[in-house]
Amino acid sequence: NIQQKIDGPPSLILPHPEIHKRAF
């Protein structure tokens, strides 16, 4: 259930920022 930006490298945003916009 993580919601956060994780500084890297590499950096990571959870959930993926486009997850709710992509049918695929």
PDBML (XML) file of the C-alpha atoms, coordinates in Angstrom:
<?xml version="1.0" encoding="UTF-8" ?>
<PDBx:datablock datablockName="MODEL"
   xmlns:PDBx="http://pdbml.pdb.org/schema/pdbx-v50.xsd"
   xmlns:xsi="http://www.w3.org/2001/XMLSchema-instance"
   xsi:schemaLocation="http://pdbml.pdb.org/schema/pdbx-v50.xsd pdbx-v50.xsd">
   <PDBx:atom_siteCategory>
      <PDBx:atom_site id="1">
         <PDBx:B_iso_or_equiv>0.00</PDBx:B_iso_or_equiv>
         <PDBx:Cartn_x>0.000</PDBx:Cartn_x>
         <PDBx:Cartn_y>0.000</PDBx:Cartn_y>
         <PDBx:Cartn_z>0.000</PDBx:Cartn_z>
         <PDBx:auth_asym_id>A</PDBx:auth_asym_id>
         <PDBx:auth_atom_id>CA</PDBx:auth_atom_id>
         <PDBx:auth_comp_id>ASN</PDBx:auth_comp_id>
         <PDBx:auth_seq_id>1</PDBx:auth_seq_id>
         <PDBx:group_PDB>ATOM</PDBx:group_PDB>
         <PDBx:label_alt_id xsi:nil="true" />
         <PDBx:label_asym_id>A</PDBx:label_asym_id>
         <PDBx:label_atom_id>CA</PDBx:label_atom_id>
         <PDBx:label_comp_id>ASN</PDBx:label_comp_id>
         <PDBx:label_entity_id>1</PDBx:label_entity_id>
         <PDBx:label_seq_id>1</PDBx:label_seq_id>
         <PDBx:occupancy>1.00</PDBx:occupancy>
         <PDBx:pdbx_PDB_model_num>1</PDBx:pdbx_PDB_model_num>
         <PDBx:type_symbol>C</PDBx:type_symbol>
      </PDBx:atom_site>
      <PDBx:atom_site id="2">
         <PDBx:B_iso_or_equiv>0.00</PDBx:B_iso_or_equiv>
         <PDBx:Cartn_x>3.013</PDBx:Cartn_x>
         <PDBx:Cartn_y>2.273</PDBx:Cartn_y>
         <PDBx:Cartn_z>-0.345</PDBx:Cartn_z>
         <PDBx:auth_asym_id>A</PDBx:auth_asym_id>
         <PDBx:auth_atom_id>CA</PDBx:auth_atom_id>
         <PDBx:auth_comp_id>ILE</PDBx:auth_comp_id>
         <PDBx:auth_seq_id>2</PDBx:auth_seq_id>
         <PDBx:group_PDB>ATOM</PDBx:group_PDB>
         <PDBx:label_alt_id xsi:nil="true" />
         <PDBx:label_asym_id>A</PDBx:label_asym_id>
         <PDBx:label_atom_id>CA</PDBx:label_atom_id>
         <PDBx:label_comp_id>ILE</PDBx:label_comp_id>
         <PDBx:label_entity_id>1</PDBx:label_entity_id>
         <PDBx:label_seq_id>2</PDBx:label_seq_id>
         <PDBx:occupancy>1.00</PDBx:occupancy>
         <PDBx:pdbx_PDB_model_num>1</PDBx:pdbx_PDB_model_num>
         <PDBx:type_symbol>C</PDBx:type_symbol>
      </PDBx:atom_site>
      <PDBx:atom_site id="3">
         <PDBx:B_iso_or_equiv>0.00</PDBx:B_iso_or_equiv>
         <PDBx:Cartn_x>2.426</PDBx:Cartn_x>
         <PDBx:Cartn_y>5.766</PDBx:Cartn_y>
         <PDBx:Cartn_z>-1.703</PDBx:Cartn_z>
         <PDBx:auth_asym_id>A</PDBx:auth_asym_id>
         <PDBx:auth_atom_id>CA</PDBx:auth_atom_id>
         <PDBx:auth_comp_id>GLN</PDBx:auth_comp_id>
         <PDBx:auth_seq_id>3</PDBx:auth_seq_id>
         <PDBx:group_PDB>ATOM</PDBx:group_PDB>
         <PDBx:label_alt_id xsi:nil="true" />
         <PDBx:label_asym_id>A</PDBx:label_asym_id>
         <PDBx:label_atom_id>CA</PDBx:label_atom_id>
         <PDBx:label_comp_id>GLN</PDBx:label_comp_id>
         <PDBx:label_entity_id>1</PDBx:label_entity_id>
         <PDBx:label_seq_id>3</PDBx:label_seq_id>
         <PDBx:occupancy>1.00</PDBx:occupancy>
         <PDBx:pdbx_PDB_model_num>1</PDBx:pdbx_PDB_model_num>
         <PDBx:type_symbol>C</PDBx:type_symbol>
      </PDBx:atom_site>
      <PDBx:atom_site id="4">
         <PDBx:B_iso_or_equiv>0.00</PDBx:B_iso_or_equiv>
         <PDBx:Cartn_x>5.664</PDBx:Cartn_x>
         <PDBx:Cartn_y>7.671</PDBx:Cartn_y>
         <PDBx:Cartn_z>-1.905</PDBx:Cartn_z>
         <PDBx:auth_asym_id>A</PDBx:auth_asym_id>
         <PDBx:auth_atom_id>CA</PDBx:auth_atom_id>
         <PDBx:auth_comp_id>GLN</PDBx:auth_comp_id>
         <PDBx:auth_seq_id>4</PDBx:auth_seq_id>
         <PDBx:group_PDB>ATOM</PDBx:group_PDB>
         <PDBx:label_alt_id xsi:nil="true" />
         <PDBx:label_asym_id>A</PDBx:label_asym_id>
         <PDBx:label_atom_id>CA</PDBx:label_atom_id>
         <PDBx:label_comp_id>GLN</PDBx:label_comp_id>
         <PDBx:label_entity_id>1</PDBx:label_entity_id>
         <PDBx:label_seq_id>4</PDBx:label_seq_id>
         <PDBx:occupancy>1.00</PDBx:occupancy>
         <PDBx:pdbx_PDB_model_num>1</PDBx:pdbx_PDB_model_num>
         <PDBx:type_symbol>C</PDBx:type_symbol>
      </PDBx:atom_site>
      <PDBx:atom_site id="5">
         <PDBx:B_iso_or_equiv>0.00</PDBx:B_iso_or_equiv>
         <PDBx:Cartn_x>8.516</PDBx:Cartn_x>
         <PDBx:Cartn_y>8.953</PDBx:Cartn_y>
         <PDBx:Cartn_z>-3.972</PDBx:Cartn_z>
         <PDBx:auth_asym_id>A</PDBx:auth_asym_id>
         <PDBx:auth_atom_id>CA</PDBx:auth_atom_id>
         <PDBx:auth_comp_id>LYS</PDBx:auth_comp_id>
         <PDBx:auth_seq_id>5</PDBx:auth_seq_id>
         <PDBx:group_PDB>ATOM</PDBx:group_PDB>
         <PDBx:label_alt_id xsi:nil="true" />
         <PDBx:label_asym_id>A</PDBx:label_asym_id>
         <PDBx:label_atom_id>CA</PDBx:label_atom_id>
         <PDBx:label_comp_id>LYS</PDBx:label_comp_id>
         <PDBx:label_entity_id>1</PDBx:label_entity_id>
         <PDBx:label_seq_id>5</PDBx:label_seq_id>
         <PDBx:occupancy>1.00</PDBx:occupancy>
         <PDBx:pdbx_PDB_model_num>1</PDBx:pdbx_PDB_model_num>
         <PDBx:type_symbol>C</PDBx:type_symbol>
      </PDBx:atom_site>
      <PDBx:atom_site id="6">
         <PDBx:B_iso_or_equiv>0.00</PDBx:B_iso_or_equiv>
         <PDBx:Cartn_x>11.688</PDBx:Cartn_x>
         <PDBx:Cartn_y>7.040</PDBx:Cartn_y>
         <PDBx:Cartn_z>-3.231</PDBx:Cartn_z>
         <PDBx:auth_asym_id>A</PDBx:auth_asym_id>
         <PDBx:auth_atom_id>CA</PDBx:auth_atom_id>
         <PDBx:auth_comp_id>ILE</PDBx:auth_comp_id>
         <PDBx:auth_seq_id>6</PDBx:auth_seq_id>
         <PDBx:group_PDB>ATOM</PDBx:group_PDB>
         <PDBx:label_alt_id xsi:nil="true" />
         <PDBx:label_asym_id>A</PDBx:label_asym_id>
         <PDBx:label_atom_id>CA</PDBx:label_atom_id>
         <PDBx:label_comp_id>ILE</PDBx:label_comp_id>
         <PDBx:label_entity_id>1</PDBx:label_entity_id>
         <PDBx:label_seq_id>6</PDBx:label_seq_id>
         <PDBx:occupancy>1.00</PDBx:occupancy>
         <PDBx:pdbx_PDB_model_num>1</PDBx:pdbx_PDB_model_num>
         <PDBx:type_symbol>C</PDBx:type_symbol>
      </PDBx:atom_site>
      <PDBx:atom_site id="7">
         <PDBx:B_iso_or_equiv>0.00</PDBx:B_iso_or_equiv>
         <PDBx:Cartn_x>14.899</PDBx:Cartn_x>
         <PDBx:Cartn_y>8.859</PDBx:Cartn_y>
         <PDBx:Cartn_z>-4.049</PDBx:Cartn_z>
         <PDBx:auth_asym_id>A</PDBx:auth_asym_id>
         <PDBx:auth_atom_id>CA</PDBx:auth_atom_id>
         <PDBx:auth_comp_id>ASP</PDBx:auth_comp_id>
         <PDBx:auth_seq_id>7</PDBx:auth_seq_id>
         <PDBx:group_PDB>ATOM</PDBx:group_PDB>
         <PDBx:label_alt_id xsi:nil="true" />
         <PDBx:label_asym_id>A</PDBx:label_asym_id>
         <PDBx:label_atom_id>CA</PDBx:label_atom_id>
         <PDBx:label_comp_id>ASP</PDBx:label_comp_id>
         <PDBx:label_entity_id>1</PDBx:label_entity_id>
         <PDBx:label_seq_id>7</PDBx:label_seq_id>
         <PDBx:occupancy>1.00</PDBx:occupancy>
         <PDBx:pdbx_PDB_model_num>1</PDBx:pdbx_PDB_model_num>
         <PDBx:type_symbol>C</PDBx:type_symbol>
      </PDBx:atom_site>
      <PDBx:atom_site id="8">
         <PDBx:B_iso_or_equiv>0.00</PDBx:B_iso_or_equiv>
         <PDBx:Cartn_x>17.413</PDBx:Cartn_x>
         <PDBx:Cartn_y>6.677</PDBx:Cartn_y>
         <PDBx:Cartn_z>-5.851</PDBx:Cartn_z>
         <PDBx:auth_asym_id>A</PDBx:auth_asym_id>
         <PDBx:auth_atom_id>CA</PDBx:auth_atom_id>
         <PDBx:auth_comp_id>GLY</PDBx:auth_comp_id>
         <PDBx:auth_seq_id>8</PDBx:auth_seq_id>
         <PDBx:group_PDB>ATOM</PDBx:group_PDB>
         <PDBx:label_alt_id xsi:nil="true" />
         <PDBx:label_asym_id>A</PDBx:label_asym_id>
         <PDBx:label_atom_id>CA</PDBx:label_atom_id>
         <PDBx:label_comp_id>GLY</PDBx:label_comp_id>
         <PDBx:label_entity_id>1</PDBx:label_entity_id>
         <PDBx:label_seq_id>8</PDBx:label_seq_id>
         <PDBx:occupancy>1.00</PDBx:occupancy>
         <PDBx:pdbx_PDB_model_num>1</PDBx:pdbx_PDB_model_num>
         <PDBx:type_symbol>C</PDBx:type_symbol>
      </PDBx:atom_site>
      <PDBx:atom_site id="9">
         <PDBx:B_iso_or_equiv>0.00</PDBx:B_iso_or_equiv>
         <PDBx:Cartn_x>19.285</PDBx:Cartn_x>
         <PDBx:Cartn_y>6.231</PDBx:Cartn_y>
         <PDBx:Cartn_z>-7.941</PDBx:Cartn_z>
         <PDBx:auth_asym_id>A</PDBx:auth_asym_id>
         <PDBx:auth_atom_id>CA</PDBx:auth_atom_id>
         <PDBx:auth_comp_id>PRO</PDBx:auth_comp_id>
         <PDBx:auth_seq_id>9</PDBx:auth_seq_id>
         <PDBx:group_PDB>ATOM</PDBx:group_PDB>
         <PDBx:label_alt_id xsi:nil="true" />
         <PDBx:label_asym_id>A</PDBx:label_asym_id>
         <PDBx:label_atom_id>CA</PDBx:label_atom_id>
         <PDBx:label_comp_id>PRO</PDBx:label_comp_id>
         <PDBx:label_entity_id>1</PDBx:label_entity_id>
         <PDBx:label_seq_id>9</PDBx:label_seq_id>
         <PDBx:occupancy>1.00</PDBx:occupancy>
         <PDBx:pdbx_PDB_model_num>1</PDBx:pdbx_PDB_model_num>
         <PDBx:type_symbol>C</PDBx:type_symbol>
      </PDBx:atom_site>
      <PDBx:atom_site id="10">
         <PDBx:B_iso_or_equiv>0.00</PDBx:B_iso_or_equiv>
         <PDBx:Cartn_x>17.113</PDBx:Cartn_x>
         <PDBx:Cartn_y>5.153</PDBx:Cartn_y>
         <PDBx:Cartn_z>-9.540</PDBx:Cartn_z>
         <PDBx:auth_asym_id>A</PDBx:auth_asym_id>
         <PDBx:auth_atom_id>CA</PDBx:auth_atom_id>
         <PDBx:auth_comp_id>PRO</PDBx:auth_comp_id>
         <PDBx:auth_seq_id>10</PDBx:auth_seq_id>
         <PDBx:group_PDB>ATOM</PDBx:group_PDB>
         <PDBx:label_alt_id xsi:nil="true" />
         <PDBx:label_asym_id>A</PDBx:label_asym_id>
         <PDBx:label_atom_id>CA</PDBx:label_atom_id>
         <PDBx:label_comp_id>PRO</PDBx:label_comp_id>
         <PDBx:label_entity_id>1</PDBx:label_entity_id>
         <PDBx:label_seq_id>10</PDBx:label_seq_id>
         <PDBx:occupancy>1.00</PDBx:occupancy>
         <PDBx:pdbx_PDB_model_num>1</PDBx:pdbx_PDB_model_num>
         <PDBx:type_symbol>C</PDBx:type_symbol>
      </PDBx:atom_site>
      <PDBx:atom_site id="11">
         <PDBx:B_iso_or_equiv>0.00</PDBx:B_iso_or_equiv>
         <PDBx:Cartn_x>14.206</PDBx:Cartn_x>
         <PDBx:Cartn_y>7.210</PDBx:Cartn_y>
         <PDBx:Cartn_z>-8.253</PDBx:Cartn_z>
         <PDBx:auth_asym_id>A</PDBx:auth_asym_id>
         <PDBx:auth_atom_id>CA</PDBx:auth_atom_id>
         <PDBx:auth_comp_id>SER</PDBx:auth_comp_id>
         <PDBx:auth_seq_id>11</PDBx:auth_seq_id>
         <PDBx:group_PDB>ATOM</PDBx:group_PDB>
         <PDBx:label_alt_id xsi:nil="true" />
         <PDBx:label_asym_id>A</PDBx:label_asym_id>
         <PDBx:label_atom_id>CA</PDBx:label_atom_id>
         <PDBx:label_comp_id>SER</PDBx:label_comp_id>
         <PDBx:label_entity_id>1</PDBx:label_entity_id>
         <PDBx:label_seq_id>11</PDBx:label_seq_id>
         <PDBx:occupancy>1.00</PDBx:occupancy>
         <PDBx:pdbx_PDB_model_num>1</PDBx:pdbx_PDB_model_num>
         <PDBx:type_symbol>C</PDBx:type_symbol>
      </PDBx:atom_site>
      <PDBx:atom_site id="12">
         <PDBx:B_iso_or_equiv>0.00</PDBx:B_iso_or_equiv>
         <PDBx:Cartn_x>10.815</PDBx:Cartn_x>
         <PDBx:Cartn_y>5.556</PDBx:Cartn_y>
         <PDBx:Cartn_z>-7.928</PDBx:Cartn_z>
         <PDBx:auth_asym_id>A</PDBx:auth_asym_id>
         <PDBx:auth_atom_id>CA</PDBx:auth_atom_id>
         <PDBx:auth_comp_id>LEU</PDBx:auth_comp_id>
         <PDBx:auth_seq_id>12</PDBx:auth_seq_id>
         <PDBx:group_PDB>ATOM</PDBx:group_PDB>
         <PDBx:label_alt_id xsi:nil="true" />
         <PDBx:label_asym_id>A</PDBx:label_asym_id>
         <PDBx:label_atom_id>CA</PDBx:label_atom_id>
         <PDBx:label_comp_id>LEU</PDBx:label_comp_id>
         <PDBx:label_entity_id>1</PDBx:label_entity_id>
         <PDBx:label_seq_id>12</PDBx:label_seq_id>
         <PDBx:occupancy>1.00</PDBx:occupancy>
         <PDBx:pdbx_PDB_model_num>1</PDBx:pdbx_PDB_model_num>
         <PDBx:type_symbol>C</PDBx:type_symbol>
      </PDBx:atom_site>
      <PDBx:atom_site id="13">
         <PDBx:B_iso_or_equiv>0.00</PDBx:B_iso_or_equiv>
         <PDBx:Cartn_x>7.253</PDBx:Cartn_x>
         <PDBx:Cartn_y>6.759</PDBx:Cartn_y>
         <PDBx:Cartn_z>-7.470</PDBx:Cartn_z>
         <PDBx:auth_asym_id>A</PDBx:auth_asym_id>
         <PDBx:auth_atom_id>CA</PDBx:auth_atom_id>
         <PDBx:auth_comp_id>ILE</PDBx:auth_comp_id>
         <PDBx:auth_seq_id>13</PDBx:auth_seq_id>
         <PDBx:group_PDB>ATOM</PDBx:group_PDB>
         <PDBx:label_alt_id xsi:nil="true" />
         <PDBx:label_asym_id>A</PDBx:label_asym_id>
         <PDBx:label_atom_id>CA</PDBx:label_atom_id>
         <PDBx:label_comp_id>ILE</PDBx:label_comp_id>
         <PDBx:label_entity_id>1</PDBx:label_entity_id>
         <PDBx:label_seq_id>13</PDBx:label_seq_id>
         <PDBx:occupancy>1.00</PDBx:occupancy>
         <PDBx:pdbx_PDB_model_num>1</PDBx:pdbx_PDB_model_num>
         <PDBx:type_symbol>C</PDBx:type_symbol>
      </PDBx:atom_site>
      <PDBx:atom_site id="14">
         <PDBx:B_iso_or_equiv>0.00</PDBx:B_iso_or_equiv>
         <PDBx:Cartn_x>4.707</PDBx:Cartn_x>
         <PDBx:Cartn_y>4.334</PDBx:Cartn_y>
         <PDBx:Cartn_z>-6.015</PDBx:Cartn_z>
         <PDBx:auth_asym_id>A</PDBx:auth_asym_id>
         <PDBx:auth_atom_id>CA</PDBx:auth_atom_id>
         <PDBx:auth_comp_id>LEU</PDBx:auth_comp_id>
         <PDBx:auth_seq_id>14</PDBx:auth_seq_id>
         <PDBx:group_PDB>ATOM</PDBx:group_PDB>
         <PDBx:label_alt_id xsi:nil="true" />
         <PDBx:label_asym_id>A</PDBx:label_asym_id>
         <PDBx:label_atom_id>CA</PDBx:label_atom_id>
         <PDBx:label_comp_id>LEU</PDBx:label_comp_id>
         <PDBx:label_entity_id>1</PDBx:label_entity_id>
         <PDBx:label_seq_id>14</PDBx:label_seq_id>
         <PDBx:occupancy>1.00</PDBx:occupancy>
         <PDBx:pdbx_PDB_model_num>1</PDBx:pdbx_PDB_model_num>
         <PDBx:type_symbol>C</PDBx:type_symbol>
      </PDBx:atom_site>
      <PDBx:atom_site id="15">
         <PDBx:B_iso_or_equiv>0.00</PDBx:B_iso_or_equiv>
         <PDBx:Cartn_x>2.193</PDBx:Cartn_x>
         <PDBx:Cartn_y>3.580</PDBx:Cartn_y>
         <PDBx:Cartn_z>-7.221</PDBx:Cartn_z>
         <PDBx:auth_asym_id>A</PDBx:auth_asym_id>
         <PDBx:auth_atom_id>CA</PDBx:auth_atom_id>
         <PDBx:auth_comp_id>PRO</PDBx:auth_comp_id>
         <PDBx:auth_seq_id>15</PDBx:auth_seq_id>
         <PDBx:group_PDB>ATOM</PDBx:group_PDB>
         <PDBx:label_alt_id xsi:nil="true" />
         <PDBx:label_asym_id>A</PDBx:label_asym_id>
         <PDBx:label_atom_id>CA</PDBx:label_atom_id>
         <PDBx:label_comp_id>PRO</PDBx:label_comp_id>
         <PDBx:label_entity_id>1</PDBx:label_entity_id>
         <PDBx:label_seq_id>15</PDBx:label_seq_id>
         <PDBx:occupancy>1.00</PDBx:occupancy>
         <PDBx:pdbx_PDB_model_num>1</PDBx:pdbx_PDB_model_num>
         <PDBx:type_symbol>C</PDBx:type_symbol>
      </PDBx:atom_site>
      <PDBx:atom_site id="16">
         <PDBx:B_iso_or_equiv>0.00</PDBx:B_iso_or_equiv>
         <PDBx:Cartn_x>3.444</PDBx:Cartn_x>
         <PDBx:Cartn_y>4.127</PDBx:Cartn_y>
         <PDBx:Cartn_z>-10.769</PDBx:Cartn_z>
         <PDBx:auth_asym_id>A</PDBx:auth_asym_id>
         <PDBx:auth_atom_id>CA</PDBx:auth_atom_id>
         <PDBx:auth_comp_id>HIS</PDBx:auth_comp_id>
         <PDBx:auth_seq_id>16</PDBx:auth_seq_id>
         <PDBx:group_PDB>ATOM</PDBx:group_PDB>
         <PDBx:label_alt_id xsi:nil="true" />
         <PDBx:label_asym_id>A</PDBx:label_asym_id>
         <PDBx:label_atom_id>CA</PDBx:label_atom_id>
         <PDBx:label_comp_id>HIS</PDBx:label_comp_id>
         <PDBx:label_entity_id>1</PDBx:label_entity_id>
         <PDBx:label_seq_id>16</PDBx:label_seq_id>
         <PDBx:occupancy>1.00</PDBx:occupancy>
         <PDBx:pdbx_PDB_model_num>1</PDBx:pdbx_PDB_model_num>
         <PDBx:type_symbol>C</PDBx:type_symbol>
      </PDBx:atom_site>
      <PDBx:atom_site id="17">
         <PDBx:B_iso_or_equiv>0.00</PDBx:B_iso_or_equiv>
         <PDBx:Cartn_x>2.207</PDBx:Cartn_x>
         <PDBx:Cartn_y>7.626</PDBx:Cartn_y>
         <PDBx:Cartn_z>-11.705</PDBx:Cartn_z>
         <PDBx:auth_asym_id>A</PDBx:auth_asym_id>
         <PDBx:auth_atom_id>CA</PDBx:auth_atom_id>
         <PDBx:auth_comp_id>PRO</PDBx:auth_comp_id>
         <PDBx:auth_seq_id>17</PDBx:auth_seq_id>
         <PDBx:group_PDB>ATOM</PDBx:group_PDB>
         <PDBx:label_alt_id xsi:nil="true" />
         <PDBx:label_asym_id>A</PDBx:label_asym_id>
         <PDBx:label_atom_id>CA</PDBx:label_atom_id>
         <PDBx:label_comp_id>PRO</PDBx:label_comp_id>
         <PDBx:label_entity_id>1</PDBx:label_entity_id>
         <PDBx:label_seq_id>17</PDBx:label_seq_id>
         <PDBx:occupancy>1.00</PDBx:occupancy>
         <PDBx:pdbx_PDB_model_num>1</PDBx:pdbx_PDB_model_num>
         <PDBx:type_symbol>C</PDBx:type_symbol>
      </PDBx:atom_site>
      <PDBx:atom_site id="18">
         <PDBx:B_iso_or_equiv>0.00</PDBx:B_iso_or_equiv>
         <PDBx:Cartn_x>0.520</PDBx:Cartn_x>
         <PDBx:Cartn_y>6.501</PDBx:Cartn_y>
         <PDBx:Cartn_z>-14.966</PDBx:Cartn_z>
         <PDBx:auth_asym_id>A</PDBx:auth_asym_id>
         <PDBx:auth_atom_id>CA</PDBx:auth_atom_id>
         <PDBx:auth_comp_id>GLU</PDBx:auth_comp_id>
         <PDBx:auth_seq_id>18</PDBx:auth_seq_id>
         <PDBx:group_PDB>ATOM</PDBx:group_PDB>
         <PDBx:label_alt_id xsi:nil="true" />
         <PDBx:label_asym_id>A</PDBx:label_asym_id>
         <PDBx:label_atom_id>CA</PDBx:label_atom_id>
         <PDBx:label_comp_id>GLU</PDBx:label_comp_id>
         <PDBx:label_entity_id>1</PDBx:label_entity_id>
         <PDBx:label_seq_id>18</PDBx:label_seq_id>
         <PDBx:occupancy>1.00</PDBx:occupancy>
         <PDBx:pdbx_PDB_model_num>1</PDBx:pdbx_PDB_model_num>
         <PDBx:type_symbol>C</PDBx:type_symbol>
      </PDBx:atom_site>
      <PDBx:atom_site id="19">
         <PDBx:B_iso_or_equiv>0.00</PDBx:B_iso_or_equiv>
         <PDBx:Cartn_x>-1.070</PDBx:Cartn_x>
         <PDBx:Cartn_y>3.292</PDBx:Cartn_y>
         <PDBx:Cartn_z>-13.630</PDBx:Cartn_z>
         <PDBx:auth_asym_id>A</PDBx:auth_asym_id>
         <PDBx:auth_atom_id>CA</PDBx:auth_atom_id>
         <PDBx:auth_comp_id>ILE</PDBx:auth_comp_id>
         <PDBx:auth_seq_id>19</PDBx:auth_seq_id>
         <PDBx:group_PDB>ATOM</PDBx:group_PDB>
         <PDBx:label_alt_id xsi:nil="true" />
         <PDBx:label_asym_id>A</PDBx:label_asym_id>
         <PDBx:label_atom_id>CA</PDBx:label_atom_id>
         <PDBx:label_comp_id>ILE</PDBx:label_comp_id>
         <PDBx:label_entity_id>1</PDBx:label_entity_id>
         <PDBx:label_seq_id>19</PDBx:label_seq_id>
         <PDBx:occupancy>1.00</PDBx:occupancy>
         <PDBx:pdbx_PDB_model_num>1</PDBx:pdbx_PDB_model_num>
         <PDBx:type_symbol>C</PDBx:type_symbol>
      </PDBx:atom_site>
      <PDBx:atom_site id="20">
         <PDBx:B_iso_or_equiv>0.00</PDBx:B_iso_or_equiv>
         <PDBx:Cartn_x>-4.626</PDBx:Cartn_x>
         <PDBx:Cartn_y>4.650</PDBx:Cartn_y>
         <PDBx:Cartn_z>-13.588</PDBx:Cartn_z>
         <PDBx:auth_asym_id>A</PDBx:auth_asym_id>
         <PDBx:auth_atom_id>CA</PDBx:auth_atom_id>
         <PDBx:auth_comp_id>HIS</PDBx:auth_comp_id>
         <PDBx:auth_seq_id>20</PDBx:auth_seq_id>
         <PDBx:group_PDB>ATOM</PDBx:group_PDB>
         <PDBx:label_alt_id xsi:nil="true" />
         <PDBx:label_asym_id>A</PDBx:label_asym_id>
         <PDBx:label_atom_id>CA</PDBx:label_atom_id>
         <PDBx:label_comp_id>HIS</PDBx:label_comp_id>
         <PDBx:label_entity_id>1</PDBx:label_entity_id>
         <PDBx:label_seq_id>20</PDBx:label_seq_id>
         <PDBx:occupancy>1.00</PDBx:occupancy>
         <PDBx:pdbx_PDB_model_num>1</PDBx:pdbx_PDB_model_num>
         <PDBx:type_symbol>C</PDBx:type_symbol>
      </PDBx:atom_site>
      <PDBx:atom_site id="21">
         <PDBx:B_iso_or_equiv>0.00</PDBx:B_iso_or_equiv>
         <PDBx:Cartn_x>-4.386</PDBx:Cartn_x>
         <PDBx:Cartn_y>6.117</PDBx:Cartn_y>
         <PDBx:Cartn_z>-17.115</PDBx:Cartn_z>
         <PDBx:auth_asym_id>A</PDBx:auth_asym_id>
         <PDBx:auth_atom_id>CA</PDBx:auth_atom_id>
         <PDBx:auth_comp_id>LYS</PDBx:auth_comp_id>
         <PDBx:auth_seq_id>21</PDBx:auth_seq_id>
         <PDBx:group_PDB>ATOM</PDBx:group_PDB>
         <PDBx:label_alt_id xsi:nil="true" />
         <PDBx:label_asym_id>A</PDBx:label_asym_id>
         <PDBx:label_atom_id>CA</PDBx:label_atom_id>
         <PDBx:label_comp_id>LYS</PDBx:label_comp_id>
         <PDBx:label_entity_id>1</PDBx:label_entity_id>
         <PDBx:label_seq_id>21</PDBx:label_seq_id>
         <PDBx:occupancy>1.00</PDBx:occupancy>
         <PDBx:pdbx_PDB_model_num>1</PDBx:pdbx_PDB_model_num>
         <PDBx:type_symbol>C</PDBx:type_symbol>
      </PDBx:atom_site>
      <PDBx:atom_site id="22">
         <PDBx:B_iso_or_equiv>0.00</PDBx:B_iso_or_equiv>
         <PDBx:Cartn_x>-3.278</PDBx:Cartn_x>
         <PDBx:Cartn_y>3.048</PDBx:Cartn_y>
         <PDBx:Cartn_z>-19.060</PDBx:Cartn_z>
         <PDBx:auth_asym_id>A</PDBx:auth_asym_id>
         <PDBx:auth_atom_id>CA</PDBx:auth_atom_id>
         <PDBx:auth_comp_id>ARG</PDBx:auth_comp_id>
         <PDBx:auth_seq_id>22</PDBx:auth_seq_id>
         <PDBx:group_PDB>ATOM</PDBx:group_PDB>
         <PDBx:label_alt_id xsi:nil="true" />
         <PDBx:label_asym_id>A</PDBx:label_asym_id>
         <PDBx:label_atom_id>CA</PDBx:label_atom_id>
         <PDBx:label_comp_id>ARG</PDBx:label_comp_id>
         <PDBx:label_entity_id>1</PDBx:label_entity_id>
         <PDBx:label_seq_id>22</PDBx:label_seq_id>
         <PDBx:occupancy>1.00</PDBx:occupancy>
         <PDBx:pdbx_PDB_model_num>1</PDBx:pdbx_PDB_model_num>
         <PDBx:type_symbol>C</PDBx:type_symbol>
      </PDBx:atom_site>
      <PDBx:atom_site id="23">
         <PDBx:B_iso_or_equiv>0.00</PDBx:B_iso_or_equiv>
         <PDBx:Cartn_x>-5.643</PDBx:Cartn_x>
         <PDBx:Cartn_y>0.326</PDBx:Cartn_y>
         <PDBx:Cartn_z>-20.285</PDBx:Cartn_z>
         <PDBx:auth_asym_id>A</PDBx:auth_asym_id>
         <PDBx:auth_atom_id>CA</PDBx:auth_atom_id>
         <PDBx:auth_comp_id>ALA</PDBx:auth_comp_id>
         <PDBx:auth_seq_id>23</PDBx:auth_seq_id>
         <PDBx:group_PDB>ATOM</PDBx:group_PDB>
         <PDBx:label_alt_id xsi:nil="true" />
         <PDBx:label_asym_id>A</PDBx:label_asym_id>
         <PDBx:label_atom_id>CA</PDBx:label_atom_id>
         <PDBx:label_comp_id>ALA</PDBx:label_comp_id>
         <PDBx:label_entity_id>1</PDBx:label_entity_id>
         <PDBx:label_seq_id>23</PDBx:label_seq_id>
         <PDBx:occupancy>1.00</PDBx:occupancy>
         <PDBx:pdbx_PDB_model_num>1</PDBx:pdbx_PDB_model_num>
         <PDBx:type_symbol>C</PDBx:type_symbol>
      </PDBx:atom_site>
      <PDBx:atom_site id="24">
         <PDBx:B_iso_or_equiv>0.00</PDBx:B_iso_or_equiv>
         <PDBx:Cartn_x>-2.639</PDBx:Cartn_x>
         <PDBx:Cartn_y>-1.931</PDBx:Cartn_y>
         <PDBx:Cartn_z>-20.974</PDBx:Cartn_z>
         <PDBx:auth_asym_id>A</PDBx:auth_asym_id>
         <PDBx:auth_atom_id>CA</PDBx:auth_atom_id>
         <PDBx:auth_comp_id>PHE</PDBx:auth_comp_id>
         <PDBx:auth_seq_id>24</PDBx:auth_seq_id>
         <PDBx:group_PDB>ATOM</PDBx:group_PDB>
         <PDBx:label_alt_id xsi:nil="true" />
         <PDBx:label_asym_id>A</PDBx:label_asym_id>
         <PDBx:label_atom_id>CA</PDBx:label_atom_id>
         <PDBx:label_comp_id>PHE</PDBx:label_comp_id>
         <PDBx:label_entity_id>1</PDBx:label_entity_id>
         <PDBx:label_seq_id>24</PDBx:label_seq_id>
         <PDBx:occupancy>1.00</PDBx:occupancy>
         <PDBx:pdbx_PDB_model_num>1</PDBx:pdbx_PDB_model_num>
         <PDBx:type_symbol>C</PDBx:type_symbol>
      </PDBx:atom_site>
   </PDBx:atom_siteCategory>
</PDBx:datablock>
